[in-house]
N, C-alpha and C. Protein backbone atom coordinates (compact mmCIF):
# COMPACT_ATOMS: atom_id res chain seq x y z
N MET A 1 41.58 25.04 -7.58
CA MET A 1 42.26 23.76 -7.47
C MET A 1 41.49 22.82 -6.54
N ARG A 2 41.00 23.36 -5.42
CA ARG A 2 40.25 22.52 -4.46
C ARG A 2 38.98 21.97 -5.11
N VAL A 3 38.34 22.79 -5.94
CA VAL A 3 37.13 22.35 -6.62
C VAL A 3 37.44 21.20 -7.56
N LEU A 4 38.54 21.29 -8.26
CA LEU A 4 38.94 20.22 -9.17
C LEU A 4 39.22 18.92 -8.42
N VAL A 5 39.90 19.01 -7.28
CA VAL A 5 40.18 17.83 -6.46
C VAL A 5 38.87 17.23 -5.95
N PHE A 6 37.96 18.07 -5.52
CA PHE A 6 36.66 17.60 -5.03
C PHE A 6 35.90 16.87 -6.14
N ILE A 7 35.85 17.45 -7.32
CA ILE A 7 35.13 16.84 -8.44
C ILE A 7 35.75 15.50 -8.81
N LEU A 8 37.07 15.45 -8.88
CA LEU A 8 37.75 14.19 -9.20
C LEU A 8 37.49 13.14 -8.12
N ALA A 9 37.52 13.54 -6.86
CA ALA A 9 37.26 12.60 -5.77
C ALA A 9 35.85 12.05 -5.87
N MET A 10 34.87 12.89 -6.17
CA MET A 10 33.48 12.45 -6.28
C MET A 10 33.30 11.50 -7.46
N MET A 11 34.07 11.69 -8.49
CA MET A 11 33.95 10.82 -9.66
C MET A 11 34.49 9.42 -9.39
N PHE A 12 35.49 9.31 -8.54
CA PHE A 12 36.16 8.03 -8.35
C PHE A 12 35.80 7.32 -7.04
N LEU A 13 35.10 7.98 -6.14
CA LEU A 13 34.66 7.30 -4.92
C LEU A 13 33.44 6.44 -5.23
N PRO A 14 33.44 5.22 -4.74
CA PRO A 14 32.27 4.36 -5.01
C PRO A 14 31.05 4.84 -4.23
N THR A 15 29.90 4.72 -4.85
CA THR A 15 28.65 5.06 -4.18
C THR A 15 28.19 3.83 -3.40
N PRO A 16 27.28 4.00 -2.41
CA PRO A 16 26.77 2.84 -1.68
C PRO A 16 26.14 1.80 -2.60
N ALA A 17 25.42 2.24 -3.63
CA ALA A 17 24.79 1.30 -4.56
C ALA A 17 25.86 0.52 -5.32
N ALA A 18 26.91 1.21 -5.73
CA ALA A 18 28.00 0.54 -6.44
C ALA A 18 28.71 -0.44 -5.53
N ALA A 19 28.87 -0.08 -4.27
CA ALA A 19 29.52 -0.98 -3.31
C ALA A 19 28.71 -2.25 -3.14
N GLN A 20 27.40 -2.13 -3.08
CA GLN A 20 26.56 -3.31 -2.93
C GLN A 20 26.61 -4.17 -4.19
N GLU A 21 26.58 -3.54 -5.35
CA GLU A 21 26.67 -4.28 -6.60
C GLU A 21 28.00 -5.00 -6.71
N ALA A 22 29.04 -4.41 -6.15
CA ALA A 22 30.38 -4.98 -6.24
C ALA A 22 30.63 -6.00 -5.13
N GLY A 23 29.59 -6.40 -4.41
CA GLY A 23 29.75 -7.40 -3.36
C GLY A 23 29.91 -6.79 -1.98
N GLY A 24 29.46 -5.56 -1.79
CA GLY A 24 29.53 -4.92 -0.48
C GLY A 24 28.51 -5.51 0.47
N VAL A 25 28.20 -4.80 1.50
CA VAL A 25 27.27 -5.26 2.52
C VAL A 25 25.86 -5.33 1.95
N PRO A 26 25.22 -6.49 2.00
CA PRO A 26 23.86 -6.59 1.47
C PRO A 26 22.86 -5.89 2.40
N ALA A 27 21.86 -5.29 1.80
CA ALA A 27 20.81 -4.63 2.58
C ALA A 27 20.00 -5.69 3.32
N PRO A 28 19.42 -5.33 4.47
CA PRO A 28 18.62 -6.31 5.21
C PRO A 28 17.36 -6.70 4.44
N SER A 29 16.93 -7.93 4.63
CA SER A 29 15.68 -8.37 3.99
C SER A 29 14.58 -8.28 5.04
N ILE A 30 13.70 -7.32 4.88
CA ILE A 30 12.66 -7.08 5.87
C ILE A 30 11.35 -7.67 5.37
N THR A 31 10.84 -8.62 6.13
CA THR A 31 9.58 -9.26 5.76
C THR A 31 8.42 -8.53 6.41
N LYS A 32 7.26 -8.61 5.79
CA LYS A 32 6.05 -7.97 6.33
C LYS A 32 5.52 -8.80 7.49
N GLY A 33 5.04 -8.14 8.52
CA GLY A 33 4.45 -8.82 9.66
C GLY A 33 3.12 -9.47 9.30
N LYS A 34 2.63 -10.32 10.17
CA LYS A 34 1.39 -11.05 9.91
C LYS A 34 0.13 -10.23 10.17
N GLY A 35 0.22 -9.20 10.98
CA GLY A 35 -0.96 -8.40 11.31
C GLY A 35 -1.32 -7.40 10.24
N ASP A 36 -2.45 -6.72 10.45
CA ASP A 36 -2.88 -5.69 9.51
C ASP A 36 -1.96 -4.47 9.54
N LYS A 37 -1.54 -4.10 10.75
CA LYS A 37 -0.61 -2.99 10.90
C LYS A 37 0.14 -3.14 12.21
N CYS A 38 1.27 -2.47 12.30
CA CYS A 38 2.09 -2.53 13.50
C CYS A 38 1.48 -1.64 14.58
N VAL A 39 1.97 -1.76 15.80
CA VAL A 39 1.45 -0.96 16.90
C VAL A 39 1.81 0.51 16.77
N ALA A 40 2.75 0.82 15.89
CA ALA A 40 3.15 2.21 15.63
C ALA A 40 3.63 2.31 14.18
N ASP A 41 3.81 3.52 13.71
CA ASP A 41 4.27 3.77 12.36
C ASP A 41 5.60 3.06 12.09
N THR A 42 5.78 2.54 10.89
CA THR A 42 6.97 1.77 10.53
C THR A 42 8.25 2.56 10.77
N ASP A 43 8.31 3.81 10.32
CA ASP A 43 9.52 4.60 10.53
C ASP A 43 9.82 4.78 12.01
N TYR A 44 8.77 5.00 12.81
CA TYR A 44 8.95 5.13 14.26
C TYR A 44 9.51 3.84 14.84
N MET A 45 8.93 2.70 14.46
CA MET A 45 9.38 1.43 15.00
C MET A 45 10.82 1.11 14.60
N ARG A 46 11.19 1.44 13.38
CA ARG A 46 12.57 1.20 12.96
C ARG A 46 13.56 1.98 13.81
N ARG A 47 13.18 3.17 14.18
CA ARG A 47 14.10 4.03 14.93
C ARG A 47 14.03 3.81 16.45
N TYR A 48 12.83 3.55 16.98
CA TYR A 48 12.65 3.55 18.43
C TYR A 48 12.18 2.23 19.04
N HIS A 49 12.17 1.12 18.29
CA HIS A 49 11.64 -0.12 18.85
C HIS A 49 12.39 -0.54 20.11
N MET A 50 13.70 -0.36 20.15
CA MET A 50 14.45 -0.79 21.33
C MET A 50 14.08 0.05 22.55
N LYS A 51 13.87 1.34 22.35
CA LYS A 51 13.46 2.21 23.45
C LYS A 51 12.11 1.74 24.01
N GLU A 52 11.18 1.42 23.12
CA GLU A 52 9.86 0.98 23.56
C GLU A 52 9.92 -0.39 24.25
N LEU A 53 10.72 -1.29 23.70
CA LEU A 53 10.85 -2.61 24.33
C LEU A 53 11.49 -2.51 25.71
N THR A 54 12.49 -1.65 25.84
CA THR A 54 13.15 -1.46 27.14
C THR A 54 12.18 -0.83 28.13
N HIS A 55 11.41 0.15 27.69
CA HIS A 55 10.42 0.79 28.56
C HIS A 55 9.37 -0.24 29.01
N GLN A 56 8.91 -1.06 28.08
CA GLN A 56 7.93 -2.10 28.41
C GLN A 56 8.53 -3.08 29.41
N ARG A 57 9.77 -3.47 29.18
CA ARG A 57 10.45 -4.39 30.10
C ARG A 57 10.51 -3.80 31.51
N ASP A 58 10.89 -2.54 31.60
CA ASP A 58 11.00 -1.90 32.91
C ASP A 58 9.65 -1.82 33.62
N LYS A 59 8.59 -1.44 32.87
CA LYS A 59 7.26 -1.38 33.47
C LYS A 59 6.82 -2.75 33.97
N THR A 60 7.12 -3.78 33.20
CA THR A 60 6.71 -5.13 33.58
C THR A 60 7.51 -5.62 34.78
N MET A 61 8.80 -5.50 34.73
CA MET A 61 9.65 -6.05 35.78
C MET A 61 9.59 -5.24 37.08
N GLN A 62 9.46 -3.94 36.99
CA GLN A 62 9.51 -3.11 38.18
C GLN A 62 8.13 -2.80 38.77
N GLN A 63 7.11 -2.76 37.91
CA GLN A 63 5.78 -2.37 38.39
C GLN A 63 4.75 -3.47 38.20
N GLY A 64 5.10 -4.55 37.52
CA GLY A 64 4.15 -5.63 37.28
C GLY A 64 3.11 -5.31 36.22
N VAL A 65 3.33 -4.25 35.43
CA VAL A 65 2.37 -3.83 34.41
C VAL A 65 2.66 -4.62 33.12
N ARG A 66 1.66 -5.36 32.66
CA ARG A 66 1.82 -6.15 31.43
C ARG A 66 0.79 -5.68 30.41
N THR A 67 1.28 -5.18 29.29
CA THR A 67 0.40 -4.79 28.19
C THR A 67 0.94 -5.42 26.91
N LYS A 68 0.12 -5.47 25.89
CA LYS A 68 0.54 -6.09 24.63
C LYS A 68 1.21 -5.11 23.67
N LYS A 69 0.96 -3.81 23.81
CA LYS A 69 1.37 -2.86 22.77
C LYS A 69 2.83 -3.01 22.36
N PHE A 70 3.76 -3.00 23.28
CA PHE A 70 5.18 -3.13 22.94
C PHE A 70 5.77 -4.39 23.58
N SER A 71 4.98 -5.43 23.65
CA SER A 71 5.40 -6.70 24.22
C SER A 71 6.29 -7.45 23.22
N LEU A 72 7.43 -7.93 23.70
CA LEU A 72 8.32 -8.70 22.84
C LEU A 72 7.64 -9.95 22.33
N LYS A 73 6.81 -10.56 23.17
CA LYS A 73 6.07 -11.76 22.76
C LYS A 73 5.16 -11.46 21.56
N GLU A 74 4.50 -10.31 21.58
CA GLU A 74 3.62 -9.93 20.47
C GLU A 74 4.44 -9.61 19.21
N CYS A 75 5.61 -8.99 19.38
CA CYS A 75 6.47 -8.70 18.23
C CYS A 75 6.88 -10.00 17.55
N VAL A 76 7.32 -10.97 18.34
CA VAL A 76 7.75 -12.26 17.80
C VAL A 76 6.58 -12.97 17.12
N ALA A 77 5.40 -12.94 17.74
CA ALA A 77 4.23 -13.61 17.17
C ALA A 77 3.89 -13.05 15.79
N CYS A 78 4.09 -11.76 15.59
CA CYS A 78 3.74 -11.13 14.31
C CYS A 78 4.86 -11.24 13.28
N HIS A 79 6.10 -11.13 13.72
CA HIS A 79 7.22 -11.02 12.79
C HIS A 79 7.98 -12.31 12.55
N ALA A 80 7.74 -13.36 13.32
CA ALA A 80 8.44 -14.63 13.10
C ALA A 80 8.03 -15.20 11.75
N THR A 81 8.99 -15.72 11.01
CA THR A 81 8.69 -16.32 9.71
C THR A 81 8.63 -17.83 9.85
N THR A 82 8.14 -18.49 8.83
CA THR A 82 8.01 -19.94 8.87
C THR A 82 8.87 -20.58 7.78
N ASP A 83 9.21 -21.83 8.01
CA ASP A 83 9.99 -22.56 7.02
C ASP A 83 9.06 -23.19 5.98
N ASP A 84 9.60 -24.03 5.12
CA ASP A 84 8.81 -24.66 4.06
C ASP A 84 7.71 -25.57 4.60
N ASP A 85 7.89 -26.07 5.84
CA ASP A 85 6.89 -26.95 6.46
C ASP A 85 5.86 -26.16 7.26
N GLY A 86 5.96 -24.82 7.25
CA GLY A 86 5.02 -23.99 7.99
C GLY A 86 5.35 -23.85 9.47
N GLN A 87 6.53 -24.32 9.88
CA GLN A 87 6.94 -24.21 11.28
C GLN A 87 7.69 -22.91 11.51
N PRO A 88 7.46 -22.25 12.65
CA PRO A 88 8.19 -21.00 12.93
C PRO A 88 9.70 -21.23 12.97
N VAL A 89 10.43 -20.31 12.39
CA VAL A 89 11.89 -20.35 12.39
C VAL A 89 12.36 -19.37 13.45
N SER A 90 13.44 -19.70 14.11
CA SER A 90 13.98 -18.82 15.14
C SER A 90 14.18 -17.41 14.60
N ILE A 91 13.70 -16.42 15.33
CA ILE A 91 13.75 -15.04 14.85
C ILE A 91 15.17 -14.47 14.85
N ASN A 92 16.10 -15.14 15.51
CA ASN A 92 17.49 -14.68 15.46
C ASN A 92 18.34 -15.53 14.52
N ALA A 93 17.71 -16.35 13.68
CA ALA A 93 18.43 -17.11 12.66
C ALA A 93 18.90 -16.15 11.57
N PRO A 94 20.04 -16.43 10.96
CA PRO A 94 20.55 -15.52 9.92
C PRO A 94 19.51 -15.23 8.84
N GLY A 95 19.32 -13.95 8.53
CA GLY A 95 18.40 -13.53 7.49
C GLY A 95 16.96 -13.36 7.93
N GLU A 96 16.62 -13.72 9.15
CA GLU A 96 15.24 -13.55 9.62
C GLU A 96 14.99 -12.10 10.02
N PHE A 97 13.75 -11.79 10.40
CA PHE A 97 13.32 -10.41 10.61
C PHE A 97 14.25 -9.61 11.52
N CYS A 98 14.38 -10.00 12.77
CA CYS A 98 15.24 -9.25 13.71
C CYS A 98 16.71 -9.35 13.31
N ALA A 99 17.14 -10.58 13.05
CA ALA A 99 18.56 -10.81 12.74
C ALA A 99 19.00 -10.04 11.50
N SER A 100 18.13 -9.93 10.51
CA SER A 100 18.49 -9.27 9.27
C SER A 100 18.95 -7.83 9.50
N CYS A 101 18.15 -7.05 10.21
CA CYS A 101 18.52 -5.65 10.46
C CYS A 101 19.66 -5.54 11.47
N HIS A 102 19.62 -6.38 12.51
CA HIS A 102 20.66 -6.27 13.53
C HIS A 102 22.02 -6.69 13.00
N GLU A 103 22.08 -7.66 12.10
CA GLU A 103 23.35 -8.01 11.46
C GLU A 103 23.83 -6.84 10.60
N TYR A 104 22.92 -6.24 9.85
CA TYR A 104 23.26 -5.11 8.98
C TYR A 104 23.81 -3.94 9.80
N ALA A 105 23.20 -3.67 10.95
CA ALA A 105 23.60 -2.55 11.78
C ALA A 105 24.71 -2.91 12.77
N ALA A 106 25.13 -4.17 12.77
CA ALA A 106 26.16 -4.67 13.69
C ALA A 106 25.74 -4.43 15.15
N VAL A 107 24.49 -4.78 15.44
CA VAL A 107 23.94 -4.62 16.79
C VAL A 107 23.65 -6.00 17.36
N LYS A 108 24.15 -6.26 18.56
CA LYS A 108 23.91 -7.54 19.20
C LYS A 108 22.53 -7.54 19.84
N VAL A 109 21.77 -8.59 19.59
CA VAL A 109 20.44 -8.72 20.17
C VAL A 109 20.56 -9.63 21.38
N ASP A 110 20.21 -9.13 22.56
CA ASP A 110 20.30 -9.97 23.75
C ASP A 110 18.93 -10.34 24.32
N CYS A 111 17.87 -9.96 23.64
CA CYS A 111 16.51 -10.26 24.11
C CYS A 111 16.29 -11.76 24.27
N PHE A 112 16.87 -12.54 23.35
CA PHE A 112 16.54 -13.94 23.26
C PHE A 112 17.43 -14.83 24.12
N GLN A 113 18.21 -14.22 25.00
CA GLN A 113 18.90 -15.01 26.00
C GLN A 113 17.89 -15.52 27.02
N CYS A 114 16.80 -14.76 27.20
CA CYS A 114 15.75 -15.15 28.14
C CYS A 114 14.43 -15.48 27.45
N HIS A 115 14.13 -14.80 26.35
CA HIS A 115 12.84 -14.94 25.69
C HIS A 115 12.88 -15.96 24.57
N ALA A 116 11.72 -16.57 24.30
CA ALA A 116 11.59 -17.54 23.21
C ALA A 116 11.86 -16.85 21.88
N THR A 117 12.53 -17.55 20.98
CA THR A 117 12.88 -16.96 19.69
C THR A 117 11.84 -17.26 18.62
N LYS A 118 10.83 -18.02 18.96
CA LYS A 118 9.73 -18.27 18.03
C LYS A 118 8.45 -18.48 18.82
N PRO A 119 7.31 -18.14 18.23
CA PRO A 119 6.05 -18.27 18.95
C PRO A 119 5.73 -19.72 19.26
N GLU A 120 5.15 -19.94 20.43
CA GLU A 120 4.74 -21.29 20.83
C GLU A 120 3.23 -21.28 21.00
N GLU A 121 2.55 -22.07 20.20
CA GLU A 121 1.09 -22.15 20.25
C GLU A 121 0.60 -22.67 21.60
N GLY A 122 -0.34 -21.96 22.19
CA GLY A 122 -1.01 -22.44 23.40
C GLY A 122 -0.17 -22.46 24.65
N LYS A 123 1.04 -21.92 24.61
CA LYS A 123 1.87 -21.92 25.82
C LYS A 123 1.94 -20.51 26.38
N GLN A 124 1.78 -20.42 27.68
CA GLN A 124 1.91 -19.15 28.39
C GLN A 124 3.38 -18.93 28.68
N ALA A 125 3.83 -17.71 28.59
CA ALA A 125 5.22 -17.41 28.93
C ALA A 125 5.45 -17.72 30.40
N ARG A 126 6.60 -18.26 30.70
CA ARG A 126 6.92 -18.58 32.09
C ARG A 126 7.20 -17.29 32.83
N ARG A 127 6.56 -17.12 33.96
CA ARG A 127 6.77 -15.91 34.76
C ARG A 127 7.73 -16.21 35.89
N LEU A 128 8.74 -15.38 36.00
CA LEU A 128 9.72 -15.52 37.04
C LEU A 128 9.35 -14.57 38.16
N THR A 129 9.12 -15.09 39.34
CA THR A 129 8.74 -14.25 40.46
C THR A 129 9.96 -13.99 41.33
N LEU A 130 10.44 -12.76 41.28
CA LEU A 130 11.60 -12.38 42.09
C LEU A 130 11.19 -11.86 43.45
N PHE A 131 10.05 -11.20 43.50
CA PHE A 131 9.59 -10.62 44.75
C PHE A 131 8.15 -11.06 45.00
N PRO A 132 7.81 -11.43 46.23
CA PRO A 132 6.44 -11.87 46.51
C PRO A 132 5.38 -10.84 46.11
N MET A 133 5.69 -9.55 46.21
CA MET A 133 4.69 -8.53 45.91
C MET A 133 4.34 -8.48 44.42
N THR A 134 5.20 -9.01 43.55
CA THR A 134 4.88 -8.99 42.12
C THR A 134 4.13 -10.24 41.68
N ALA A 135 4.00 -11.21 42.55
CA ALA A 135 3.32 -12.45 42.18
C ALA A 135 1.86 -12.22 41.87
N ALA A 136 1.27 -11.20 42.46
CA ALA A 136 -0.16 -10.92 42.26
C ALA A 136 -0.40 -9.90 41.15
N ALA A 137 0.60 -9.72 40.29
CA ALA A 137 0.43 -8.76 39.20
C ALA A 137 -0.75 -9.18 38.33
N GLU A 138 -1.46 -8.16 37.85
CA GLU A 138 -2.63 -8.45 37.02
C GLU A 138 -2.22 -9.12 35.73
N PRO A 139 -3.05 -10.01 35.19
CA PRO A 139 -2.72 -10.69 33.95
C PRO A 139 -2.69 -9.71 32.79
N GLU A 140 -1.99 -10.14 31.73
CA GLU A 140 -1.86 -9.30 30.55
C GLU A 140 -3.22 -9.02 29.94
N THR A 141 -3.43 -7.77 29.55
CA THR A 141 -4.69 -7.38 28.93
C THR A 141 -4.43 -7.04 27.49
N GLY A 142 -5.46 -6.82 26.74
CA GLY A 142 -5.36 -6.51 25.31
C GLY A 142 -4.98 -5.08 25.00
N GLN A 143 -4.37 -4.35 25.91
CA GLN A 143 -4.04 -2.94 25.68
C GLN A 143 -2.85 -2.79 24.81
């Protein structure tokens, strides 16, 4: 009897594909970055990008270490999309690279409360000096 109930339940429960076809939650639209390849494997970045960004933030803010590998500025420079006029669109605009996945996963992105949401040509990021000892931090290198 349990087997029959299970089989009937499986026949009548909607599948994720059917839910999407019926107007369910749309899958995120992930655009390709501008570079040749990402700083790490795509599957790794999808799963651990926040851990790497947080680690990079801590190294920068607490130790003055600035590298490009997991820099939010570098992520935005590669993944920001452009509008019809070729101008960068805010990366947290609906449907854009970061916003697309974070909306799908119902995850709030708070990076852009402080950081620029689109790349700015020829402008250096503003450095906030909280402690005099961090003012002499070495400039960002190509690491």
